[in-house]
C-alpha atoms as a PDB file:
ATOM      1  CA  MET A   1     -18.492  -9.117 -20.224  1.00  0.00           C
ATOM      2  CA  LEU A   2     -21.720  -7.143 -20.079  1.00  0.00           C
ATOM      3  CA  ALA A   3     -21.232  -3.534 -19.065  1.00  0.00           C
ATOM      4  CA  LYS A   4     -22.837  -0.104 -19.048  1.00  0.00           C
ATOM      5  CA  THR A   5     -21.078   2.972 -20.366  1.00  0.00           C
ATOM      6  CA  ARG A   6     -21.726   6.291 -22.020  1.00  0.00           C
ATOM      7  CA  GLY A   7     -20.362   6.748 -25.507  1.00  0.00           C
ATOM      8  CA  ILE A   8     -19.954   9.456 -28.147  1.00  0.00           C
ATOM      9  CA  VAL A   9     -20.479   8.490 -31.783  1.00  0.00           C
ATOM     10  CA  LEU A  10     -17.533   9.351 -34.036  1.00  0.00           C
ATOM     11  CA  HIS A  11     -18.172   7.479 -37.275  1.00  0.00           C
ATOM     12  CA  THR A  12     -20.239   4.700 -38.828  1.00  0.00           C
ATOM     13  CA  ILE A  13     -19.406   2.545 -41.853  1.00  0.00           C
ATOM     14  CA  PRO A  14     -21.117  -0.447 -43.471  1.00  0.00           C
ATOM     15  CA  TYR A  15     -19.441  -3.760 -42.625  1.00  0.00           C
ATOM     16  CA  ASN A  16     -21.400  -5.889 -45.055  1.00  0.00           C
ATOM     17  CA  ASP A  17     -25.008  -6.226 -46.186  1.00  0.00           C
ATOM     18  CA  ARG A  18     -26.188  -7.069 -42.682  1.00  0.00           C
ATOM     19  CA  TYR A  19     -23.963  -5.154 -40.267  1.00  0.00           C
ATOM     20  CA  THR A  20     -22.619  -1.675 -39.538  1.00  0.00           C
ATOM     21  CA  ILE A  21     -19.510  -0.731 -37.539  1.00  0.00           C
ATOM     22  CA  ILE A  22     -19.949   2.169 -35.118  1.00  0.00           C
ATOM     23  CA  TYR A  23     -16.800   3.847 -33.855  1.00  0.00           C
ATOM     24  CA  MET A  24     -17.251   5.521 -30.486  1.00  0.00           C
ATOM     25  CA  TYR A  25     -15.308   7.187 -27.715  1.00  0.00           C
ATOM     26  CA  THR A  26     -16.640   5.663 -24.515  1.00  0.00           C
ATOM     27  CA  GLU A  27     -16.381   6.738 -20.916  1.00  0.00           C
ATOM     28  CA  ARG A  28     -15.416   3.296 -19.629  1.00  0.00           C
ATOM     29  CA  PHE A  29     -13.328   1.785 -22.450  1.00  0.00           C
ATOM     30  CA  GLY A  30     -11.911   4.729 -24.397  1.00  0.00           C
ATOM     31  CA  ARG A  31     -12.190   4.312 -28.145  1.00  0.00           C
ATOM     32  CA  ALA A  32     -14.160   1.208 -29.107  1.00  0.00           C
ATOM     33  CA  SER A  33     -15.773  -0.257 -32.216  1.00  0.00           C
ATOM     34  CA  TYR A  34     -19.170  -1.928 -32.163  1.00  0.00           C
ATOM     35  CA  LEU A  35     -20.809  -4.231 -34.682  1.00  0.00           C
ATOM     36  CA  THR A  36     -24.553  -3.741 -34.998  1.00  0.00           C
ATOM     37  CA  ALA A  37     -27.112  -5.447 -37.198  1.00  0.00           C
ATOM     38  CA  ARG A  38     -29.061  -3.354 -39.687  1.00  0.00           C
ATOM     39  CA  THR A  39     -32.395  -4.248 -38.157  1.00  0.00           C
ATOM     40  CA  ARG A  40     -35.432  -2.412 -39.459  1.00  0.00           C
ATOM     41  CA  GLY A  41     -38.089  -4.009 -37.340  1.00  0.00           C
ATOM     42  CA  ARG A  42     -39.989  -2.041 -34.722  1.00  0.00           C
ATOM     43  CA  LYS A  43     -38.691  -4.277 -31.964  1.00  0.00           C
ATOM     44  CA  SER A  44     -35.070  -3.437 -32.640  1.00  0.00           C
ATOM     45  CA  ASN A  45     -33.332  -1.899 -29.632  1.00  0.00           C
ATOM     46  CA  ILE A  46     -30.661  -0.314 -31.880  1.00  0.00           C
ATOM     47  CA  SER A  47     -32.064   2.735 -33.631  1.00  0.00           C
ATOM     48  CA  LYS A  48     -30.066   4.042 -36.606  1.00  0.00           C
ATOM     49  CA  ALA A  49     -31.311   7.571 -35.875  1.00  0.00           C
ATOM     50  CA  LEU A  50     -29.436   7.539 -32.551  1.00  0.00           C
ATOM     51  CA  PHE A  51     -26.051   7.158 -34.182  1.00  0.00           C
ATOM     52  CA  MET A  52     -25.528  10.519 -35.838  1.00  0.00           C
ATOM     53  CA  PRO A  53     -22.012  11.976 -35.302  1.00  0.00           C
ATOM     54  CA  LEU A  54     -21.478  13.328 -31.766  1.00  0.00           C
ATOM     55  CA  SER A  55     -24.584  11.606 -30.387  1.00  0.00           C
ATOM     56  CA  VAL A  56     -24.096  10.898 -26.682  1.00  0.00           C
ATOM     57  CA  LEU A  57     -25.566   7.528 -25.717  1.00  0.00           C
ATOM     58  CA  GLU A  58     -26.136   5.393 -22.676  1.00  0.00           C
ATOM     59  CA  LEU A  59     -25.078   1.907 -23.735  1.00  0.00           C
ATOM     60  CA  ASP A  60     -25.444  -1.675 -22.589  1.00  0.00           C
ATOM     61  CA  VAL A  61     -22.583  -3.482 -24.309  1.00  0.00           C
ATOM     62  CA  GLU A  62     -20.932  -6.838 -24.591  1.00  0.00           C
ATOM     63  CA  HIS A  63     -17.281  -5.913 -24.336  1.00  0.00           C
ATOM     64  CA  LYS A  64     -14.433  -8.427 -24.576  1.00  0.00           C
ATOM     65  CA  PRO A  65     -10.902  -6.982 -24.177  1.00  0.00           C
ATOM     66  CA  LYS A  66      -9.228  -9.134 -26.855  1.00  0.00           C
ATOM     67  CA  ARG A  67     -11.820  -8.386 -29.514  1.00  0.00           C
ATOM     68  CA  GLU A  68     -11.610  -5.524 -31.982  1.00  0.00           C
ATOM     69  CA  LEU A  69     -15.377  -5.465 -32.534  1.00  0.00           C
ATOM     70  CA  HIS A  70     -17.832  -5.524 -29.654  1.00  0.00           C
ATOM     71  CA  ARG A  71     -21.632  -5.665 -29.435  1.00  0.00           C
ATOM     72  CA  ILE A  72     -24.262  -3.151 -28.369  1.00  0.00           C
ATOM     73  CA  LYS A  73     -27.153  -4.776 -26.545  1.00  0.00           C
ATOM     74  CA  ASP A  74     -29.161  -1.603 -25.954  1.00  0.00           C
ATOM     75  CA  SER A  75     -28.744   2.135 -26.527  1.00  0.00           C
ATOM     76  CA  ARG A  76     -30.501   5.269 -25.268  1.00  0.00           C
ATOM     77  CA  SER A  77     -29.886   8.933 -25.934  1.00  0.00           C
ATOM     78  CA  CYS A  78     -28.384  10.908 -23.032  1.00  0.00           C
ATOM     79  CA  PHE A  79     -29.672  14.165 -24.503  1.00  0.00           C
ATOM     80  CA  PRO A  80     -31.125  14.884 -27.953  1.00  0.00           C
ATOM     81  CA  LEU A  81     -29.123  16.788 -30.568  1.00  0.00           C
ATOM     82  CA  SER A  82     -32.101  18.394 -32.231  1.00  0.00           C
ATOM     83  CA  ASP A  83     -30.388  21.687 -33.099  1.00  0.00           C
ATOM     84  CA  LEU A  84     -27.372  19.886 -34.550  1.00  0.00           C
ATOM     85  CA  GLN A  85     -29.762  18.047 -36.837  1.00  0.00           C
ATOM     86  CA  ILE A  86     -31.741  21.033 -38.136  1.00  0.00           C
ATOM     87  CA  ASN A  87     -29.184  23.859 -37.989  1.00  0.00           C
ATOM     88  CA  PRO A  88     -26.991  23.456 -41.109  1.00  0.00           C
ATOM     89  CA  ILE A  89     -24.022  25.335 -39.647  1.00  0.00           C
ATOM     90  CA  LYS A  90     -24.028  23.378 -36.377  1.00  0.00           C
ATOM     91  CA  ASN A  91     -24.528  20.179 -38.355  1.00  0.00           C
ATOM     92  CA  ILE A  92     -21.401  20.770 -40.461  1.00  0.00           C
ATOM     93  CA  ILE A  93     -19.378  21.771 -37.392  1.00  0.00           C
ATOM     94  CA  GLY A  94     -20.522  18.577 -35.660  1.00  0.00           C
ATOM     95  CA  LEU A  95     -19.489  16.457 -38.652  1.00  0.00           C
ATOM     96  CA  PHE A  96     -16.101  18.173 -38.736  1.00  0.00           C
ATOM     97  CA  ILE A  97     -15.465  17.662 -35.011  1.00  0.00           C
ATOM     98  CA  ALA A  98     -16.529  14.014 -35.161  1.00  0.00           C
ATOM     99  CA  GLU A  99     -14.237  13.396 -38.151  1.00  0.00           C
ATOM    100  CA  VAL A 100     -11.260  15.032 -36.425  1.00  0.00           C
ATOM    101  CA  LEU A 101     -11.838  12.893 -33.323  1.00  0.00           C
ATOM    102  CA  PHE A 102     -12.177   9.781 -35.469  1.00  0.00           C
ATOM    103  CA  ARG A 103      -8.876  10.532 -37.229  1.00  0.00           C
ATOM    104  CA  ILE A 104      -6.795  11.363 -34.157  1.00  0.00           C
ATOM    105  CA  GLN A 105      -8.370   9.490 -31.253  1.00  0.00           C
ATOM    106  CA  LYS A 106      -6.844   6.012 -31.536  1.00  0.00           C
ATOM    107  CA  GLU A 107      -6.238   5.336 -27.854  1.00  0.00           C
ATOM    108  CA  THR A 108      -8.284   2.562 -26.278  1.00  0.00           C
ATOM    109  CA  GLU A 109      -7.546   3.693 -22.734  1.00  0.00           C
ATOM    110  CA  PRO A 110     -10.325   5.760 -21.103  1.00  0.00           C
ATOM    111  CA  ASP A 111      -9.678   9.365 -20.059  1.00  0.00           C
ATOM    112  CA  GLU A 112     -12.332  10.729 -17.708  1.00  0.00           C
ATOM    113  CA  ARG A 113     -11.268  14.378 -18.108  1.00  0.00           C
ATOM    114  CA  PHE A 114     -11.254  14.147 -21.901  1.00  0.00           C
ATOM    115  CA  PHE A 115     -14.648  12.461 -21.981  1.00  0.00           C
ATOM    116  CA  GLN A 116     -16.092  15.147 -19.724  1.00  0.00           C
ATOM    117  CA  TYR A 117     -14.596  17.858 -21.952  1.00  0.00           C
ATOM    118  CA  LEU A 118     -16.265  16.297 -24.984  1.00  0.00           C
ATOM    119  CA  LEU A 119     -19.612  16.127 -23.182  1.00  0.00           C
ATOM    120  CA  GLU A 120     -19.463  19.791 -22.221  1.00  0.00           C
ATOM    121  CA  MET A 121     -18.349  20.800 -25.729  1.00  0.00           C
ATOM    122  CA  ILE A 122     -21.200  18.899 -27.409  1.00  0.00           C
ATOM    123  CA  HIS A 123     -23.782  20.217 -24.968  1.00  0.00           C
ATOM    124  CA  PHE A 124     -22.609  23.799 -25.515  1.00  0.00           C
ATOM    125  CA  LEU A 125     -22.728  23.441 -29.308  1.00  0.00           C
ATOM    126  CA  GLU A 126     -26.242  22.017 -29.119  1.00  0.00           C
ATOM    127  CA  THR A 127     -27.680  24.614 -26.758  1.00  0.00           C
ATOM    128  CA  THR A 128     -25.946  27.898 -27.605  1.00  0.00           C
ATOM    129  CA  ASP A 129     -27.859  30.536 -29.519  1.00  0.00           C
ATOM    130  CA  GLN A 130     -24.723  32.620 -30.111  1.00  0.00           C
ATOM    131  CA  SER A 131     -22.589  32.601 -33.266  1.00  0.00           C
ATOM    132  CA  VAL A 132     -20.549  29.408 -33.668  1.00  0.00           C
ATOM    133  CA  ALA A 133     -18.355  30.715 -36.497  1.00  0.00           C
ATOM    134  CA  ASN A 134     -15.204  30.256 -34.355  1.00  0.00           C
ATOM    135  CA  PHE A 135     -16.349  27.141 -32.496  1.00  0.00           C
ATOM    136  CA  HIS A 136     -14.192  24.727 -34.514  1.00  0.00           C
ATOM    137  CA  LEU A 137     -11.102  26.894 -33.928  1.00  0.00           C
ATOM    138  CA  VAL A 138     -11.575  26.787 -30.150  1.00  0.00           C
ATOM    139  CA  PHE A 139     -12.171  23.044 -30.299  1.00  0.00           C
ATOM    140  CA  LEU A 140      -8.972  22.351 -32.253  1.00  0.00           C
ATOM    141  CA  LEU A 141      -6.882  24.511 -29.934  1.00  0.00           C
ATOM    142  CA  HIS A 142      -8.312  22.970 -26.752  1.00  0.00           C
ATOM    143  CA  LEU A 143      -7.809  19.502 -28.213  1.00  0.00           C
ATOM    144  CA  THR A 144      -4.039  20.057 -28.421  1.00  0.00           C
ATOM    145  CA  HIS A 145      -3.954  19.990 -24.606  1.00  0.00           C
ATOM    146  CA  PHE A 146      -5.387  16.470 -24.463  1.00  0.00           C
ATOM    147  CA  LEU A 147      -3.101  15.315 -27.283  1.00  0.00           C
ATOM    148  CA  GLY A 148       0.001  16.598 -25.502  1.00  0.00           C
ATOM    149  CA  ILE A 149       0.926  19.055 -28.275  1.00  0.00           C
ATOM    150  CA  GLN A 150      -0.398  22.322 -26.840  1.00  0.00           C
ATOM    151  CA  PRO A 151       1.492  25.393 -28.126  1.00  0.00           C
ATOM    152  CA  ASN A 152       3.267  27.535 -25.554  1.00  0.00           C
ATOM    153  CA  PHE A 153       1.214  30.713 -25.930  1.00  0.00           C
ATOM    154  CA  ASP A 154       2.865  32.220 -22.826  1.00  0.00           C
ATOM    155  CA  SER A 155       6.067  32.611 -24.851  1.00  0.00           C
ATOM    156  CA  TYR A 156       4.527  35.254 -27.123  1.00  0.00           C
ATOM    157  CA  GLN A 157       5.977  38.750 -27.158  1.00  0.00           C
ATOM    158  CA  SER A 158       5.545  41.599 -29.619  1.00  0.00           C
ATOM    159  CA  ASP A 159       7.228  40.924 -32.994  1.00  0.00           C
ATOM    160  CA  PHE A 160       7.968  37.274 -32.150  1.00  0.00           C
ATOM    161  CA  TYR A 161       7.656  34.436 -34.668  1.00  0.00           C
ATOM    162  CA  PHE A 162       5.696  31.262 -34.000  1.00  0.00           C
ATOM    163  CA  ASP A 163       7.924  28.213 -34.458  1.00  0.00           C
ATOM    164  CA  MET A 164       5.437  25.524 -35.473  1.00  0.00           C
ATOM    165  CA  LEU A 165       7.891  22.651 -35.087  1.00  0.00           C
ATOM    166  CA  ASN A 166       8.686  23.477 -31.469  1.00  0.00           C
ATOM    167  CA  GLY A 167       5.294  24.961 -30.589  1.00  0.00           C
ATOM    168  CA  GLU A 168       6.584  28.246 -29.182  1.00  0.00           C
ATOM    169  CA  PHE A 169       7.120  31.902 -30.038  1.00  0.00           C
ATOM    170  CA  ILE A 170      10.720  33.021 -30.611  1.00  0.00           C
ATOM    171  CA  ASN A 171      12.434  36.328 -31.366  1.00  0.00           C
ATOM    172  CA  HIS A 172      14.105  35.214 -34.616  1.00  0.00           C
ATOM    173  CA  ILE A 173      13.276  33.305 -37.788  1.00  0.00           C
ATOM    174  CA  PRO A 174      13.971  29.597 -37.153  1.00  0.00           C
ATOM    175  CA  ASN A 175      16.251  27.603 -39.434  1.00  0.00           C
ATOM    176  CA  HIS A 176      13.341  25.727 -41.005  1.00  0.00           C
ATOM    177  CA  ARG A 177      10.304  26.731 -43.053  1.00  0.00           C
ATOM    178  CA  HIS A 178       7.577  25.805 -40.548  1.00  0.00           C
ATOM    179  CA  TYR A 179       6.942  29.136 -38.873  1.00  0.00           C
ATOM    180  CA  LEU A 180       4.521  32.069 -38.976  1.00  0.00           C
ATOM    181  CA  ASN A 181       5.666  35.593 -39.755  1.00  0.00           C
ATOM    182  CA  ARG A 182       5.202  38.375 -37.222  1.00  0.00           C
ATOM    183  CA  GLU A 183       1.751  39.405 -38.426  1.00  0.00           C
ATOM    184  CA  GLU A 184       0.545  35.812 -38.595  1.00  0.00           C
ATOM    185  CA  SER A 185       2.042  35.101 -35.166  1.00  0.00           C
ATOM    186  CA  LEU A 186       0.180  38.034 -33.643  1.00  0.00           C
ATOM    187  CA  ALA A 187      -3.128  36.758 -35.077  1.00  0.00           C
ATOM    188  CA  PHE A 188      -2.340  33.234 -33.860  1.00  0.00           C
ATOM    189  CA  SER A 189      -1.514  34.464 -30.337  1.00  0.00           C
ATOM    190  CA  ARG A 190      -5.011  35.995 -30.047  1.00  0.00           C
ATOM    191  CA  LEU A 191      -6.544  32.544 -30.302  1.00  0.00           C
ATOM    192  CA  PHE A 192      -5.239  31.632 -26.852  1.00  0.00           C
ATOM    193  CA  LYS A 193      -7.799  34.026 -25.346  1.00  0.00           C
ATOM    194  CA  MET A 194     -10.761  32.345 -27.036  1.00  0.00           C
ATOM    195  CA  THR A 195     -13.159  30.051 -25.209  1.00  0.00           C
ATOM    196  CA  PHE A 196     -16.431  28.525 -26.354  1.00  0.00           C
ATOM    197  CA  GLU A 197     -18.241  31.152 -24.299  1.00  0.00           C
ATOM    198  CA  ASN A 198     -16.456  34.219 -25.699  1.00  0.00           C
ATOM    199  CA  SER A 199     -15.538  33.013 -29.205  1.00  0.00           C
ATOM    200  CA  MET A 200     -18.338  35.054 -30.801  1.00  0.00           C
ATOM    201  CA  LEU A 201     -16.567  38.233 -29.658  1.00  0.00           C
ATOM    202  CA  PHE A 202     -13.598  37.556 -31.942  1.00  0.00           C
ATOM    203  CA  GLY A 203     -14.247  38.939 -35.390  1.00  0.00           C
ATOM    204  CA  PHE A 204     -12.506  37.272 -38.323  1.00  0.00           C
ATOM    205  CA  SER A 205     -13.248  37.601 -42.006  1.00  0.00           C
ATOM    206  CA  ARG A 206     -13.906  34.425 -43.960  1.00  0.00           C
ATOM    207  CA  GLN A 207     -10.390  34.581 -45.433  1.00  0.00           C
ATOM    208  CA  GLU A 208      -8.803  35.157 -42.031  1.00  0.00           C
ATOM    209  CA  ARG A 209     -10.694  32.204 -40.583  1.00  0.00           C
ATOM    210  CA  ILE A 210      -9.598  29.979 -43.477  1.00  0.00           C
ATOM    211  CA  LYS A 211      -5.987  31.055 -42.956  1.00  0.00           C
ATOM    212  CA  ILE A 212      -6.164  30.404 -39.213  1.00  0.00           C
ATOM    213  CA  ILE A 213      -7.480  26.893 -39.610  1.00  0.00           C
ATOM    214  CA  GLU A 214      -4.774  26.220 -42.197  1.00  0.00           C
ATOM    215  CA  TYR A 215      -2.191  27.154 -39.549  1.00  0.00           C
ATOM    216  CA  ILE A 216      -3.812  24.851 -37.009  1.00  0.00           C
ATOM    217  CA  ILE A 217      -4.142  21.908 -39.406  1.00  0.00           C
ATOM    218  CA  THR A 218      -0.501  22.339 -40.437  1.00  0.00           C
ATOM    219  CA  TYR A 219       0.473  22.359 -36.768  1.00  0.00           C
ATOM    220  CA  TYR A 220      -1.456  19.129 -36.217  1.00  0.00           C
ATOM    221  CA  ARG A 221       0.239  17.432 -39.151  1.00  0.00           C
ATOM    222  CA  LEU A 222       3.697  18.469 -37.982  1.00  0.00           C
ATOM    223  CA  HIS A 223       3.088  16.947 -34.548  1.00  0.00           C
ATOM    224  CA  LEU A 224       0.782  14.073 -35.504  1.00  0.00           C
ATOM    225  CA  PRO A 225       2.231  12.449 -38.656  1.00  0.00           C
ATOM    226  CA  GLU A 226      -0.729  10.045 -38.859  1.00  0.00           C
ATOM    227  CA  PHE A 227      -3.206  12.949 -39.033  1.00  0.00           C
ATOM    228  CA  SER A 228      -4.857  12.387 -42.409  1.00  0.00           C
ATOM    229  CA  GLU A 229      -7.026  14.570 -44.625  1.00  0.00           C
ATOM    230  CA  ILE A 230     -10.232  15.883 -43.055  1.00  0.00           C
ATOM    231  CA  LYS A 231     -12.793  15.541 -45.826  1.00  0.00           C
ATOM    232  CA  SER A 232     -15.417  17.758 -44.167  1.00  0.00           C
ATOM    233  CA  LEU A 233     -12.994  20.699 -43.893  1.00  0.00           C
ATOM    234  CA  SER A 234     -13.737  22.095 -47.352  1.00  0.00           C
ATOM    235  CA  VAL A 235     -17.482  22.076 -46.622  1.00  0.00           C
ATOM    236  CA  LEU A 236     -16.885  23.769 -43.274  1.00  0.00           C
ATOM    237  CA  GLN A 237     -14.771  26.466 -44.918  1.00  0.00           C
ATOM    238  CA  SER A 238     -17.535  27.291 -47.392  1.00  0.00           C
ATOM    239  CA  ILE A 239     -20.329  28.005 -44.902  1.00  0.00           C
ATOM    240  CA  PHE A 240     -18.998  31.163 -43.236  1.00  0.00           C
ATOM    241  CA  ASN A 241     -19.292  34.292 -45.321  1.00  0.00           C
ATOM    242  CA  GLU A 242     -18.055  36.720 -42.719  1.00  0.00           C
END
C-alpha cells in the first residue's frame, strides 16, 4: 500500500551496486527497512544527503506488511540538521545515538510516545547551544524506560550498592559480581537527576564520564543479551577532554 509517514534514519548500508538499504524508525510502522536506488540524476526524488543518521523525514512509501524491504517513493526533510553536520561533537553524538537505536530497536510495532521522544531529543541536540558532554548519558538512561529495563533509582539510600542484575540499590553486596561499590553507586544515583536541559550542570571529568558509560553499557548488556558492540563508542569517548 502507499502511505505517508515520518521516519528517523538509523543506518544505511549498500545492498549491491545499484541499491542501498535504509533502516529507519517510522511513526506509522515502527522499525522498517527501505530499498532505494543509487540514482545520481537531478530528477531523483531520493537525495542521499537527506539520509544522514538521525535525519527526520516526511516519507511517501510503498509498504507491504509481508515484505522485509519496502520502497520510498518520495522523501522530504522535516527539519534540517545543519548543526549536527558541522559541529564535530554533535555529529559524533548523533552517530552514537543512531547506532545504539539501530542495535536495540528491533520492534516493528509503532510506539507514538517513543517516536515523539526521539523527535524531541533530536531537535534539542540540533538546536542547543549549551554543552552536550553529558547528552549521550541522559539519552541512554531515558532509553531504558522505553526498553522496559529502567533502574529503580528510588531505591537508593546512603551507602547502598547498585545491583546491576536486578536494577536496584540494596544495603548489602549481592551474591554475584555485577554490582557497583558504594562510591560508584553514589555517582550512578546522581544520573537520575539529569535531563537534557540540565545535563550541562553536572560536572564529570573525562575519566568519570568514561567510567559512567561503562556502567550503563554493562547494564544494557546484562538486560539485553543481543546488545552488540557499539563501534562509535570509542570515538565518542575520545572527544571530551573535561
